């Protein structure tokens, strides 16, 4: 019974994480100058939200072996997504640097 309650709480936290990530991405779109870490924050929010939804479901199903495999797969996917976000942030930082350079601002 305790496992089911904890699992439901984690699923709700995962849904909340996905919702807050969605709201953050919508607020970022409204800004003129976007933070360079925004892609990283959005991707990490999505990864953690999905992880907090999928893992408790696997626990409630009782497939413990799938949980260990899912954790390994999620860490690989998370690492790839973090690298993609880092590349986007680097590209955005270079664009901002070039823009500031043309405006003669330090």
C-alpha atoms as a PDB file:
ATOM      1  CA  UNK A   1       0.000   0.000   0.000  1.00  0.00           C
ATOM      2  CA  UNK A   2       2.836   2.395   0.838  1.00  0.00           C
ATOM      3  CA  UNK A   3       4.521   1.666  -2.499  1.00  0.00           C
ATOM      4  CA  UNK A   4       1.339   2.564  -4.378  1.00  0.00           C
ATOM      5  CA  UNK A   5       0.983   5.873  -2.501  1.00  0.00           C
ATOM      6  CA  UNK A   6       4.633   6.783  -3.112  1.00  0.00           C
ATOM      7  CA  UNK A   7       4.287   5.793  -6.773  1.00  0.00           C
ATOM      8  CA  UNK A   8       1.203   7.961  -7.213  1.00  0.00           C
ATOM      9  CA  UNK A   9       2.945  10.917  -5.564  1.00  0.00           C
ATOM     10  CA  UNK A  10       5.937  10.481  -7.900  1.00  0.00           C
ATOM     11  CA  UNK A  11       3.649  10.279 -10.930  1.00  0.00           C
ATOM     12  CA  UNK A  12       1.945  13.501  -9.853  1.00  0.00           C
ATOM     13  CA  UNK A  13       5.340  15.152  -9.398  1.00  0.00           C
ATOM     14  CA  UNK A  14       6.334  13.984 -12.893  1.00  0.00           C
ATOM     15  CA  UNK A  15       3.176  15.474 -14.367  1.00  0.00           C
ATOM     16  CA  UNK A  16       3.800  18.700 -12.435  1.00  0.00           C
ATOM     17  CA  UNK A  17       7.385  18.778 -13.753  1.00  0.00           C
ATOM     18  CA  UNK A  18       6.199  18.404 -17.350  1.00  0.00           C
ATOM     19  CA  UNK A  19       3.592  21.139 -16.850  1.00  0.00           C
ATOM     20  CA  UNK A  20       6.102  23.546 -15.299  1.00  0.00           C
ATOM     21  CA  UNK A  21       8.560  22.810 -18.110  1.00  0.00           C
ATOM     22  CA  UNK A  22       5.846  23.578 -20.654  1.00  0.00           C
ATOM     23  CA  UNK A  23       4.999  26.867 -18.911  1.00  0.00           C
ATOM     24  CA  UNK A  24       8.692  27.790 -18.768  1.00  0.00           C
ATOM     25  CA  UNK A  25       9.133  27.117 -22.476  1.00  0.00           C
ATOM     26  CA  UNK A  26       6.100  29.275 -23.278  1.00  0.00           C
ATOM     27  CA  UNK A  27       7.461  32.126 -21.134  1.00  0.00           C
ATOM     28  CA  UNK A  28      10.879  31.864 -22.786  1.00  0.00           C
ATOM     29  CA  UNK A  29       9.301  32.238 -26.230  1.00  0.00           C
ATOM     30  CA  UNK A  30       7.915  35.636 -25.172  1.00  0.00           C
ATOM     31  CA  UNK A  31      11.338  37.057 -24.248  1.00  0.00           C
ATOM     32  CA  UNK A  32      13.422  39.019 -26.746  1.00  0.00           C
ATOM     33  CA  UNK A  33      16.728  37.711 -25.402  1.00  0.00           C
ATOM     34  CA  UNK A  34      16.552  34.078 -24.398  1.00  0.00           C
ATOM     35  CA  UNK A  35      18.835  32.672 -21.714  1.00  0.00           C
ATOM     36  CA  UNK A  36      21.546  30.429 -23.112  1.00  0.00           C
ATOM     37  CA  UNK A  37      20.700  27.729 -20.592  1.00  0.00           C
ATOM     38  CA  UNK A  38      17.021  27.551 -21.590  1.00  0.00           C
ATOM     39  CA  UNK A  39      17.381  24.493 -23.874  1.00  0.00           C
ATOM     40  CA  UNK A  40      19.226  22.630 -21.133  1.00  0.00           C
ATOM     41  CA  UNK A  41      16.540  23.508 -18.588  1.00  0.00           C
ATOM     42  CA  UNK A  42      13.736  22.449 -20.904  1.00  0.00           C
ATOM     43  CA  UNK A  43      15.332  19.137 -21.876  1.00  0.00           C
ATOM     44  CA  UNK A  44      16.254  18.276 -18.310  1.00  0.00           C
ATOM     45  CA  UNK A  45      12.711  19.102 -17.182  1.00  0.00           C
ATOM     46  CA  UNK A  46      11.269  16.793 -19.826  1.00  0.00           C
ATOM     47  CA  UNK A  47      13.696  13.976 -18.973  1.00  0.00           C
ATOM     48  CA  UNK A  48      13.031  14.187 -15.230  1.00  0.00           C
ATOM     49  CA  UNK A  49       9.275  14.460 -15.769  1.00  0.00           C
ATOM     50  CA  UNK A  50       9.166  11.370 -17.962  1.00  0.00           C
ATOM     51  CA  UNK A  51      11.437   9.486 -15.564  1.00  0.00           C
ATOM     52  CA  UNK A  52       9.173  10.303 -12.597  1.00  0.00           C
ATOM     53  CA  UNK A  53       6.157   9.052 -14.537  1.00  0.00           C
ATOM     54  CA  UNK A  54       7.610   5.877 -16.070  1.00  0.00           C
ATOM     55  CA  UNK A  55       9.589   4.552 -13.091  1.00  0.00           C
ATOM     56  CA  UNK A  56       6.671   4.398 -10.607  1.00  0.00           C
ATOM     57  CA  UNK A  57       4.497   2.731 -13.240  1.00  0.00           C
ATOM     58  CA  UNK A  58       7.142   0.030 -13.659  1.00  0.00           C
ATOM     59  CA  UNK A  59       7.334  -0.367  -9.876  1.00  0.00           C
ATOM     60  CA  UNK A  60       3.544  -0.763  -9.610  1.00  0.00           C
ATOM     61  CA  UNK A  61       3.573  -3.321 -12.421  1.00  0.00           C
ATOM     62  CA  UNK A  62       6.251  -5.187 -10.520  1.00  0.00           C
ATOM     63  CA  UNK A  63       8.811  -5.422 -13.266  1.00  0.00           C
ATOM     64  CA  UNK A  64      11.941  -4.705 -11.239  1.00  0.00           C
ATOM     65  CA  UNK A  65      14.322  -5.906 -13.951  1.00  0.00           C
ATOM     66  CA  UNK A  66      12.739  -3.463 -16.397  1.00  0.00           C
ATOM     67  CA  UNK A  67      13.336  -0.679 -13.878  1.00  0.00           C
ATOM     68  CA  UNK A  68      17.075  -1.278 -13.857  1.00  0.00           C
ATOM     69  CA  UNK A  69      17.128  -1.452 -17.662  1.00  0.00           C
ATOM     70  CA  UNK A  70      14.903   1.626 -17.924  1.00  0.00           C
ATOM     71  CA  UNK A  71      17.210   3.542 -15.603  1.00  0.00           C
ATOM     72  CA  UNK A  72      20.177   2.670 -17.777  1.00  0.00           C
ATOM     73  CA  UNK A  73      18.336   3.620 -20.975  1.00  0.00           C
ATOM     74  CA  UNK A  74      17.021   6.838 -19.413  1.00  0.00           C
ATOM     75  CA  UNK A  75      20.525   7.844 -18.332  1.00  0.00           C
ATOM     76  CA  UNK A  76      21.813   7.309 -21.872  1.00  0.00           C
ATOM     77  CA  UNK A  77      18.911   9.245 -23.398  1.00  0.00           C
ATOM     78  CA  UNK A  78      19.295  11.967 -20.778  1.00  0.00           C
ATOM     79  CA  UNK A  79      23.004  12.275 -21.537  1.00  0.00           C
ATOM     80  CA  UNK A  80      22.324  12.595 -25.257  1.00  0.00           C
ATOM     81  CA  UNK A  81      19.616  15.193 -24.655  1.00  0.00           C
ATOM     82  CA  UNK A  82      21.904  17.167 -22.344  1.00  0.00           C
ATOM     83  CA  UNK A  83      24.608  17.234 -25.042  1.00  0.00           C
ATOM     84  CA  UNK A  84      22.060  18.431 -27.608  1.00  0.00           C
ATOM     85  CA  UNK A  85      20.948  21.188 -25.221  1.00  0.00           C
ATOM     86  CA  UNK A  86      24.580  22.157 -24.629  1.00  0.00           C
ATOM     87  CA  UNK A  87      25.161  22.436 -28.371  1.00  0.00           C
ATOM     88  CA  UNK A  88      22.069  24.646 -28.745  1.00  0.00           C
ATOM     89  CA  UNK A  89      23.279  26.821 -25.869  1.00  0.00           C
ATOM     90  CA  UNK A  90      26.739  27.130 -27.453  1.00  0.00           C
ATOM     91  CA  UNK A  91      25.281  28.123 -30.814  1.00  0.00           C
ATOM     92  CA  UNK A  92      23.056  30.707 -29.117  1.00  0.00           C
ATOM     93  CA  UNK A  93      26.003  32.098 -27.138  1.00  0.00           C
ATOM     94  CA  UNK A  94      28.057  32.455 -30.323  1.00  0.00           C
ATOM     95  CA  UNK A  95      25.211  34.330 -32.025  1.00  0.00           C
ATOM     96  CA  UNK A  96      24.937  36.677 -29.051  1.00  0.00           C
ATOM     97  CA  UNK A  97      28.720  37.195 -29.011  1.00  0.00           C
ATOM     98  CA  UNK A  98      28.771  38.092 -32.710  1.00  0.00           C
ATOM     99  CA  UNK A  99      25.819  40.423 -32.272  1.00  0.00           C
ATOM    100  CA  UNK A 100      27.501  42.219 -29.382  1.00  0.00           C
ATOM    101  CA  UNK A 101      30.752  42.401 -31.347  1.00  0.00           C
ATOM    102  CA  UNK A 102      29.027  44.163 -34.257  1.00  0.00           C
ATOM    103  CA  UNK A 103      27.495  46.637 -31.812  1.00  0.00           C
ATOM    104  CA  UNK A 104      30.956  47.299 -30.271  1.00  0.00           C
ATOM    105  CA  UNK A 105      29.828  46.257 -26.799  1.00  0.00           C
ATOM    106  CA  UNK A 106      32.116  44.255 -24.507  1.00  0.00           C
END
